[in-house]
Amino acid sequence: MQNGGLVLSKTVFTGNGGPINVTADSIVLDGSGTGFSSQTTGVGTVSANGVSSLIGIGGNISLTGGTLSVRNNASIAATTTGSGTGGSIGIATTGDVAVNAGSQILSSSDVTGASSPVTATGVGQSGDAGAVTINAGTLTLSRGGSIRSLTLASGNAGKIVLKVEDAFTINGADGRDFLTGVDSEAARGSSSSAGVTQVKVGSVSVFQGVTSSNTQGSGAGGSVEVATSGGALLLDGGGVSGTEIGASALGT
């Protein structure tokens, strides 16, 4: 798909979002606005004893095939901006998964005044972001390509699980202002936790990029686990600060 082509699953209020399932030898997403998107919105009424009105959950995105290329600001995204849980993203390929040139695979939780559910204490609640799971022959993130799980509200960030048979490569050279790598984050002002990041690969090479979990809000930071099956683990900042595999808590 290219030139803004989009496959969208969206739920508002009580209905569950439908799944997006794609199986192909080669899946290519090319260009800004192009991709797969699962969106969860809607307002729930939360009593002192729990949720008193049901909110639908987001549809899952499942992509299966030989290779996957996400490039030139394309995206695969599962987002929740209400109190329903966001959909999960599952990718399984026998060959390469490549995400580059400002593109991203994203799971996020956010909430705005328009979609914030009413609680007994008057505090808005947002649903948890869904998990991101990738099984691939090789995985390459370059030039601002990223895999992210993000919370900007009270919902938790989702778990990121990467299982790569051979090489996992992060190369942020020429990434400009885009983050290159894997990041689970609870942003400033959020109150919930960053997600766990688990990476099991043949080898890892990180050049001017990150594999990280951090919180800048009041919630807990997530953990980062990296395991290689006998291959090398290489970190090379190329003279630029910020290259890391790590976890941090910077909030209050």
C-alpha atoms as a PDB file:
ATOM      1  CA  MET A   1       0.000   0.000   0.000  1.00  0.00           C
ATOM      2  CA  GLN A   2       1.155   3.542  -0.672  1.00  0.00           C
ATOM      3  CA  ASN A   3       0.078   7.164  -1.102  1.00  0.00           C
ATOM      4  CA  GLY A   4      -2.057   7.314   2.031  1.00  0.00           C
ATOM      5  CA  GLY A   5      -3.758   3.942   1.679  1.00  0.00           C
ATOM      6  CA  LEU A   6      -5.168   2.941   5.088  1.00  0.00           C
ATOM      7  CA  VAL A   7      -6.891  -0.101   6.575  1.00  0.00           C
ATOM      8  CA  LEU A   8      -8.783   1.068   9.668  1.00  0.00           C
ATOM      9  CA  SER A   9     -10.646  -0.680  12.489  1.00  0.00           C
ATOM     10  CA  LYS A  10     -12.356   1.680  14.938  1.00  0.00           C
ATOM     11  CA  THR A  11     -14.622   1.209  17.925  1.00  0.00           C
ATOM     12  CA  VAL A  12     -16.630   3.919  19.676  1.00  0.00           C
ATOM     13  CA  PHE A  13     -18.312   3.191  23.003  1.00  0.00           C
ATOM     14  CA  THR A  14     -19.585  -0.372  23.551  1.00  0.00           C
ATOM     15  CA  GLY A  15     -18.771  -2.287  20.373  1.00  0.00           C
ATOM     16  CA  ASN A  16     -15.496  -4.177  20.000  1.00  0.00           C
ATOM     17  CA  GLY A  17     -13.308  -3.248  17.062  1.00  0.00           C
ATOM     18  CA  GLY A  18     -12.950  -5.813  14.322  1.00  0.00           C
ATOM     19  CA  PRO A  19      -9.582  -7.519  13.741  1.00  0.00           C
ATOM     20  CA  ILE A  20      -7.272  -6.687  10.849  1.00  0.00           C
ATOM     21  CA  ASN A  21      -5.741  -9.909   9.497  1.00  0.00           C
ATOM     22  CA  VAL A  22      -3.378  -9.882   6.519  1.00  0.00           C
ATOM     23  CA  THR A  23      -1.398 -12.801   5.071  1.00  0.00           C
ATOM     24  CA  ALA A  24       0.907 -12.233   2.094  1.00  0.00           C
ATOM     25  CA  ASP A  25       4.317 -13.203   0.757  1.00  0.00           C
ATOM     26  CA  SER A  26       5.390  -9.542   0.936  1.00  0.00           C
ATOM     27  CA  ILE A  27       3.717  -6.642   2.753  1.00  0.00           C
ATOM     28  CA  VAL A  28       4.888  -3.128   1.857  1.00  0.00           C
ATOM     29  CA  LEU A  29       3.638   0.094   3.464  1.00  0.00           C
ATOM     30  CA  ASP A  30       5.114   3.178   1.810  1.00  0.00           C
ATOM     31  CA  GLY A  31       4.394   6.838   2.527  1.00  0.00           C
ATOM     32  CA  SER A  32       2.876   9.165   5.111  1.00  0.00           C
ATOM     33  CA  GLY A  33      -0.666   8.228   6.127  1.00  0.00           C
ATOM     34  CA  THR A  34      -0.236   4.703   4.767  1.00  0.00           C
ATOM     35  CA  GLY A  35      -0.694   1.694   7.014  1.00  0.00           C
ATOM     36  CA  PHE A  36      -2.886  -0.319   9.355  1.00  0.00           C
ATOM     37  CA  SER A  37      -4.684   1.336  12.262  1.00  0.00           C
ATOM     38  CA  SER A  38      -6.815   0.103  15.167  1.00  0.00           C
ATOM     39  CA  GLN A  39      -8.480   2.891  17.173  1.00  0.00           C
ATOM     40  CA  THR A  40     -10.392   2.712  20.455  1.00  0.00           C
ATOM     41  CA  THR A  41     -12.417   5.704  21.658  1.00  0.00           C
ATOM     42  CA  GLY A  42     -15.380   6.304  23.933  1.00  0.00           C
ATOM     43  CA  VAL A  43     -16.404   7.267  27.438  1.00  0.00           C
ATOM     44  CA  GLY A  44     -17.124   4.872  30.274  1.00  0.00           C
ATOM     45  CA  THR A  45     -18.824   5.726  33.552  1.00  0.00           C
ATOM     46  CA  VAL A  46     -16.738   4.496  36.456  1.00  0.00           C
ATOM     47  CA  SER A  47     -18.340   4.051  39.860  1.00  0.00           C
ATOM     48  CA  ALA A  48     -16.597   3.769  43.206  1.00  0.00           C
ATOM     49  CA  ASN A  49     -16.772  -0.017  42.857  1.00  0.00           C
ATOM     50  CA  GLY A  50     -15.544  -0.244  39.273  1.00  0.00           C
ATOM     51  CA  VAL A  51     -16.676   0.327  35.722  1.00  0.00           C
ATOM     52  CA  SER A  52     -20.441   0.561  35.501  1.00  0.00           C
ATOM     53  CA  SER A  53     -20.755   0.952  31.734  1.00  0.00           C
ATOM     54  CA  LEU A  54     -19.003  -1.248  29.207  1.00  0.00           C
ATOM     55  CA  ILE A  55     -16.505   0.067  26.690  1.00  0.00           C
ATOM     56  CA  GLY A  56     -15.412  -1.882  23.646  1.00  0.00           C
ATOM     57  CA  ILE A  57     -11.849  -3.072  23.162  1.00  0.00           C
ATOM     58  CA  GLY A  58      -9.760  -2.321  20.108  1.00  0.00           C
ATOM     59  CA  GLY A  59      -9.385  -4.747  17.249  1.00  0.00           C
ATOM     60  CA  ASN A  60      -6.131  -6.673  16.983  1.00  0.00           C
ATOM     61  CA  ILE A  61      -3.775  -6.266  14.015  1.00  0.00           C
ATOM     62  CA  SER A  62      -2.220  -9.502  12.736  1.00  0.00           C
ATOM     63  CA  LEU A  63       0.246  -9.551   9.828  1.00  0.00           C
ATOM     64  CA  THR A  64       1.740 -12.808   8.579  1.00  0.00           C
ATOM     65  CA  GLY A  65       4.007 -13.460   5.625  1.00  0.00           C
ATOM     66  CA  GLY A  66       7.460 -13.638   4.133  1.00  0.00           C
ATOM     67  CA  THR A  67       8.653 -10.041   4.588  1.00  0.00           C
ATOM     68  CA  LEU A  68       7.332  -6.729   5.913  1.00  0.00           C
ATOM     69  CA  SER A  69       8.593  -3.280   4.915  1.00  0.00           C
ATOM     70  CA  VAL A  70       7.304  -0.110   6.604  1.00  0.00           C
ATOM     71  CA  ARG A  71       8.942   2.981   5.129  1.00  0.00           C
ATOM     72  CA  ASN A  72       8.745   6.716   4.463  1.00  0.00           C
ATOM     73  CA  ASN A  73       6.571   7.668   7.470  1.00  0.00           C
ATOM     74  CA  ALA A  74       4.118   4.780   7.119  1.00  0.00           C
ATOM     75  CA  SER A  75       2.791   3.171  10.301  1.00  0.00           C
ATOM     76  CA  ILE A  76       1.163   0.219  11.997  1.00  0.00           C
ATOM     77  CA  ALA A  77      -0.677   1.597  15.023  1.00  0.00           C
ATOM     78  CA  ALA A  78      -3.061   0.442  17.746  1.00  0.00           C
ATOM     79  CA  THR A  79      -4.228   3.379  19.861  1.00  0.00           C
ATOM     80  CA  THR A  80      -6.725   3.977  22.622  1.00  0.00           C
ATOM     81  CA  THR A  81      -7.957   7.485  23.454  1.00  0.00           C
ATOM     82  CA  GLY A  82     -10.791   6.362  25.720  1.00  0.00           C
ATOM     83  CA  SER A  83     -11.305   3.887  28.540  1.00  0.00           C
ATOM     84  CA  GLY A  84     -11.298   0.751  26.373  1.00  0.00           C
ATOM     85  CA  THR A  85      -8.183  -1.399  26.061  1.00  0.00           C
ATOM     86  CA  GLY A  86      -6.235  -0.850  22.849  1.00  0.00           C
ATOM     87  CA  GLY A  87      -5.791  -3.648  20.350  1.00  0.00           C
ATOM     88  CA  SER A  88      -2.612  -5.686  20.104  1.00  0.00           C
ATOM     89  CA  ILE A  89      -0.188  -5.850  17.168  1.00  0.00           C
ATOM     90  CA  GLY A  90       1.153  -9.243  16.109  1.00  0.00           C
ATOM     91  CA  ILE A  91       3.647  -9.681  13.264  1.00  0.00           C
ATOM     92  CA  ALA A  92       5.108 -13.000  12.110  1.00  0.00           C
ATOM     93  CA  THR A  93       7.441 -13.298   9.113  1.00  0.00           C
ATOM     94  CA  THR A  94       9.915 -15.880   7.887  1.00  0.00           C
ATOM     95  CA  GLY A  95      12.151 -13.164   6.418  1.00  0.00           C
ATOM     96  CA  ASP A  96      12.990  -9.547   7.196  1.00  0.00           C
ATOM     97  CA  VAL A  97      10.910  -6.964   9.019  1.00  0.00           C
ATOM     98  CA  ALA A  98      12.258  -3.521   8.090  1.00  0.00           C
ATOM     99  CA  VAL A  99      11.020  -0.242   9.564  1.00  0.00           C
ATOM    100  CA  ASN A 100      12.735   2.907   8.327  1.00  0.00           C
ATOM    101  CA  ALA A 101      12.609   6.555   7.273  1.00  0.00           C
ATOM    102  CA  GLY A 102      10.435   7.890  10.092  1.00  0.00           C
ATOM    103  CA  SER A 103       8.033   4.956  10.108  1.00  0.00           C
ATOM    104  CA  GLN A 104       6.796   3.285  13.265  1.00  0.00           C
ATOM    105  CA  ILE A 105       4.996   0.355  14.807  1.00  0.00           C
ATOM    106  CA  LEU A 106       3.098   1.942  17.686  1.00  0.00           C
ATOM    107  CA  SER A 107       0.874   0.959  20.594  1.00  0.00           C
ATOM    108  CA  SER A 108      -0.346   3.899  22.678  1.00  0.00           C
ATOM    109  CA  SER A 109      -2.738   5.024  25.396  1.00  0.00           C
ATOM    110  CA  ASP A 110      -3.909   8.618  25.621  1.00  0.00           C
ATOM    111  CA  VAL A 111      -7.010  10.464  26.775  1.00  0.00           C
ATOM    112  CA  THR A 112      -8.440  13.919  26.193  1.00  0.00           C
ATOM    113  CA  GLY A 113     -11.084  15.930  27.962  1.00  0.00           C
ATOM    114  CA  ALA A 114     -13.597  14.992  25.282  1.00  0.00           C
ATOM    115  CA  SER A 115     -13.134  11.263  25.753  1.00  0.00           C
ATOM    116  CA  SER A 116     -12.161  11.055  29.424  1.00  0.00           C
ATOM    117  CA  PRO A 117     -14.540   8.784  31.369  1.00  0.00           C
ATOM    118  CA  VAL A 118     -16.216  10.101  34.490  1.00  0.00           C
ATOM    119  CA  THR A 119     -15.045   8.521  37.738  1.00  0.00           C
ATOM    120  CA  ALA A 120     -16.285   8.654  41.300  1.00  0.00           C
ATOM    121  CA  THR A 121     -13.384  10.946  42.126  1.00  0.00           C
ATOM    122  CA  GLY A 122     -13.709  13.004  38.971  1.00  0.00           C
ATOM    123  CA  VAL A 123     -10.376  11.796  37.613  1.00  0.00           C
ATOM    124  CA  GLY A 124     -10.196  10.653  33.982  1.00  0.00           C
ATOM    125  CA  GLN A 125      -9.141   7.062  33.260  1.00  0.00           C
ATOM    126  CA  SER A 126      -7.743   5.678  30.039  1.00  0.00           C
ATOM    127  CA  GLY A 127      -7.467   2.118  28.803  1.00  0.00           C
ATOM    128  CA  ASP A 128      -4.214   0.171  28.654  1.00  0.00           C
ATOM    129  CA  ALA A 129      -2.268   0.094  25.417  1.00  0.00           C
ATOM    130  CA  GLY A 130      -2.055  -3.284  23.685  1.00  0.00           C
ATOM    131  CA  ALA A 131       0.984  -5.509  23.336  1.00  0.00           C
ATOM    132  CA  VAL A 132       3.352  -5.549  20.348  1.00  0.00           C
ATOM    133  CA  THR A 133       4.745  -8.973  19.395  1.00  0.00           C
ATOM    134  CA  ILE A 134       7.094  -9.568  16.469  1.00  0.00           C
ATOM    135  CA  ASN A 135       8.524 -12.909  15.318  1.00  0.00           C
ATOM    136  CA  ALA A 136      10.873 -12.497  12.367  1.00  0.00           C
ATOM    137  CA  GLY A 137      13.848 -13.959  10.546  1.00  0.00           C
ATOM    138  CA  THR A 138      15.677 -10.628  10.799  1.00  0.00           C
ATOM    139  CA  LEU A 139      14.609  -7.229  12.123  1.00  0.00           C
ATOM    140  CA  THR A 140      16.027  -3.890  10.949  1.00  0.00           C
ATOM    141  CA  LEU A 141      15.151  -0.442  12.321  1.00  0.00           C
ATOM    142  CA  SER A 142      16.900   2.417  10.519  1.00  0.00           C
ATOM    143  CA  ARG A 143      16.786   6.164   9.826  1.00  0.00           C
ATOM    144  CA  GLY A 144      14.096   6.970  12.364  1.00  0.00           C
ATOM    145  CA  GLY A 145      12.286   3.628  12.215  1.00  0.00           C
ATOM    146  CA  SER A 146      10.875   2.626  15.594  1.00  0.00           C
ATOM    147  CA  ILE A 147       8.807   0.175  17.594  1.00  0.00           C
ATOM    148  CA  ARG A 148       7.110   2.005  20.463  1.00  0.00           C
ATOM    149  CA  SER A 149       4.659   1.485  23.293  1.00  0.00           C
ATOM    150  CA  LEU A 150       3.580   4.746  24.866  1.00  0.00           C
ATOM    151  CA  THR A 151       1.257   6.005  27.575  1.00  0.00           C
ATOM    152  CA  LEU A 152       0.414   9.673  28.011  1.00  0.00           C
ATOM    153  CA  ALA A 153      -2.380   9.126  30.521  1.00  0.00           C
ATOM    154  CA  SER A 154      -3.539   6.658  33.220  1.00  0.00           C
ATOM    155  CA  GLY A 155      -3.472   3.532  31.078  1.00  0.00           C
ATOM    156  CA  ASN A 156      -0.361   1.346  31.123  1.00  0.00           C
ATOM    157  CA  ALA A 157       1.968   1.100  28.143  1.00  0.00           C
ATOM    158  CA  GLY A 158       1.868  -2.264  26.398  1.00  0.00           C
ATOM    159  CA  LYS A 159       4.460  -5.021  26.474  1.00  0.00           C
ATOM    160  CA  ILE A 160       6.923  -5.315  23.572  1.00  0.00           C
ATOM    161  CA  VAL A 161       8.170  -8.807  22.698  1.00  0.00           C
ATOM    162  CA  LEU A 162      10.658  -9.293  19.853  1.00  0.00           C
ATOM    163  CA  LYS A 163      11.838 -12.734  18.799  1.00  0.00           C
ATOM    164  CA  VAL A 164      14.332 -12.673  15.925  1.00  0.00           C
ATOM    165  CA  GLU A 165      15.957 -15.815  14.589  1.00  0.00           C
ATOM    166  CA  ASP A 166      19.021 -14.090  13.190  1.00  0.00           C
ATOM    167  CA  ALA A 167      20.200 -10.456  13.294  1.00  0.00           C
ATOM    168  CA  PHE A 168      18.437  -7.532  14.986  1.00  0.00           C
ATOM    169  CA  THR A 169      19.921  -4.262  13.725  1.00  0.00           C
ATOM    170  CA  ILE A 170      19.238  -0.685  14.838  1.00  0.00           C
ATOM    171  CA  ASN A 171      20.932   2.020  12.744  1.00  0.00           C
ATOM    172  CA  GLY A 172      19.967   5.597  13.579  1.00  0.00           C
ATOM    173  CA  ALA A 173      22.413   7.282  11.189  1.00  0.00           C
ATOM    174  CA  ASP A 174      20.613   9.963   9.136  1.00  0.00           C
ATOM    175  CA  GLY A 175      17.557   9.534  11.352  1.00  0.00           C
ATOM    176  CA  ARG A 176      17.319  13.308  11.816  1.00  0.00           C
ATOM    177  CA  ASP A 177      15.068  14.118  14.782  1.00  0.00           C
ATOM    178  CA  PHE A 178      13.280  10.744  14.813  1.00  0.00           C
ATOM    179  CA  LEU A 179      13.942   8.125  17.486  1.00  0.00           C
ATOM    180  CA  THR A 180      15.453   4.990  15.999  1.00  0.00           C
ATOM    181  CA  GLY A 181      14.960   1.805  17.973  1.00  0.00           C
ATOM    182  CA  VAL A 182      12.637   0.217  20.515  1.00  0.00           C
ATOM    183  CA  ASP A 183      11.069   2.347  23.225  1.00  0.00           C
ATOM    184  CA  SER A 184       8.456   1.802  25.926  1.00  0.00           C
ATOM    185  CA  GLU A 185       7.621   5.060  27.637  1.00  0.00           C
ATOM    186  CA  ALA A 186       5.344   6.596  30.244  1.00  0.00           C
ATOM    187  CA  ALA A 187       5.455  10.232  29.183  1.00  0.00           C
ATOM    188  CA  ARG A 188       5.601  13.280  31.431  1.00  0.00           C
ATOM    189  CA  GLY A 189       2.215  13.862  33.069  1.00  0.00           C
ATOM    190  CA  SER A 190       1.164  10.204  32.876  1.00  0.00           C
ATOM    191  CA  SER A 191       0.332   8.211  36.001  1.00  0.00           C
ATOM    192  CA  SER A 192       0.784   4.597  34.879  1.00  0.00           C
ATOM    193  CA  SER A 193       3.662   2.299  34.044  1.00  0.00           C
ATOM    194  CA  ALA A 194       5.955   1.912  31.087  1.00  0.00           C
ATOM    195  CA  GLY A 195       5.819  -1.534  29.522  1.00  0.00           C
ATOM    196  CA  VAL A 196       8.197  -4.460  29.699  1.00  0.00           C
ATOM    197  CA  THR A 197      10.484  -4.937  26.687  1.00  0.00           C
ATOM    198  CA  GLN A 198      11.732  -8.457  25.914  1.00  0.00           C
ATOM    199  CA  VAL A 199      14.194  -9.100  23.079  1.00  0.00           C
ATOM    200  CA  LYS A 200      15.373 -12.614  22.122  1.00  0.00           C
ATOM    201  CA  VAL A 201      17.571 -12.631  19.038  1.00  0.00           C
ATOM    202  CA  GLY A 202      20.487 -14.268  17.286  1.00  0.00           C
ATOM    203  CA  SER A 203      22.609 -11.100  17.515  1.00  0.00           C
ATOM    204  CA  VAL A 204      22.105  -7.401  18.275  1.00  0.00           C
ATOM    205  CA  SER A 205      23.806  -4.379  16.681  1.00  0.00           C
ATOM    206  CA  VAL A 206      22.861  -0.883  17.841  1.00  0.00           C
ATOM    207  CA  PHE A 207      24.390   2.103  16.024  1.00  0.00           C
ATOM    208  CA  GLN A 208      23.104   5.515  17.132  1.00  0.00           C
ATOM    209  CA  GLY A 209      19.858   4.055  18.459  1.00  0.00           C
ATOM    210  CA  VAL A 210      18.118   2.766  21.581  1.00  0.00           C
ATOM    211  CA  THR A 211      16.369  -0.146  23.196  1.00  0.00           C
ATOM    212  CA  SER A 212      14.847   1.405  26.291  1.00  0.00           C
ATOM    213  CA  SER A 213      12.018   1.628  28.799  1.00  0.00           C
ATOM    214  CA  ASN A 214      11.542   4.800  30.790  1.00  0.00           C
ATOM    215  CA  THR A 215       9.027   6.796  32.757  1.00  0.00           C
ATOM    216  CA  GLN A 216       8.849  10.549  33.075  1.00  0.00           C
ATOM    217  CA  GLY A 217       5.558  10.451  34.980  1.00  0.00           C
ATOM    218  CA  SER A 218       4.548   9.123  38.399  1.00  0.00           C
ATOM    219  CA  GLY A 219       4.213   5.465  37.347  1.00  0.00           C
ATOM    220  CA  ALA A 220       6.792   2.693  37.417  1.00  0.00           C
ATOM    221  CA  GLY A 221       9.417   2.235  34.749  1.00  0.00           C
ATOM    222  CA  GLY A 222       9.424  -0.984  32.748  1.00  0.00           C
ATOM    223  CA  SER A 223      12.233  -3.497  32.452  1.00  0.00           C
ATOM    224  CA  VAL A 224      14.380  -4.292  29.402  1.00  0.00           C
ATOM    225  CA  GLU A 225      15.527  -7.866  28.810  1.00  0.00           C
ATOM    226  CA  VAL A 226      17.877  -8.706  25.939  1.00  0.00           C
ATOM    227  CA  ALA A 227      19.102 -12.242  25.224  1.00  0.00           C
ATOM    228  CA  THR A 228      21.172 -13.507  22.291  1.00  0.00           C
ATOM    229  CA  SER A 229      21.495 -17.106  21.177  1.00  0.00           C
ATOM    230  CA  GLY A 230      25.268 -17.121  20.956  1.00  0.00           C
ATOM    231  CA  GLY A 231      25.642 -14.082  18.700  1.00  0.00           C
ATOM    232  CA  ALA A 232      27.267 -10.710  19.386  1.00  0.00           C
ATOM    233  CA  LEU A 233      25.810  -7.721  21.199  1.00  0.00           C
ATOM    234  CA  LEU A 234      27.315  -4.541  19.753  1.00  0.00           C
ATOM    235  CA  LEU A 235      26.706  -0.933  20.841  1.00  0.00           C
ATOM    236  CA  ASP A 236      28.315   1.835  18.772  1.00  0.00           C
ATOM    237  CA  GLY A 237      27.372   5.465  19.346  1.00  0.00           C
ATOM    238  CA  GLY A 238      29.453   6.674  16.422  1.00  0.00           C
ATOM    239  CA  GLY A 239      30.461   9.707  18.479  1.00  0.00           C
ATOM    240  CA  VAL A 240      26.828  10.630  19.184  1.00  0.00           C
ATOM    241  CA  SER A 241      25.402  10.418  22.716  1.00  0.00           C
ATOM    242  CA  GLY A 242      22.235   8.471  23.526  1.00  0.00           C
ATOM    243  CA  THR A 243      23.002   5.029  22.146  1.00  0.00           C
ATOM    244  CA  GLU A 244      21.840   2.616  24.837  1.00  0.00           C
ATOM    245  CA  ILE A 245      20.095  -0.468  26.064  1.00  0.00           C
ATOM    246  CA  GLY A 246      18.578   0.507  29.376  1.00  0.00           C
ATOM    247  CA  ALA A 247      15.727   1.506  31.654  1.00  0.00           C
ATOM    248  CA  SER A 248      15.210   4.707  33.629  1.00  0.00           C
ATOM    249  CA  ALA A 249      12.761   6.519  35.901  1.00  0.00           C
ATOM    250  CA  LEU A 250      12.931  10.295  35.646  1.00  0.00           C
ATOM    251  CA  GLY A 251       9.507  11.261  36.982  1.00  0.00           C
ATOM    252  CA  THR A 252       8.245  12.180  40.426  1.00  0.00           C
END
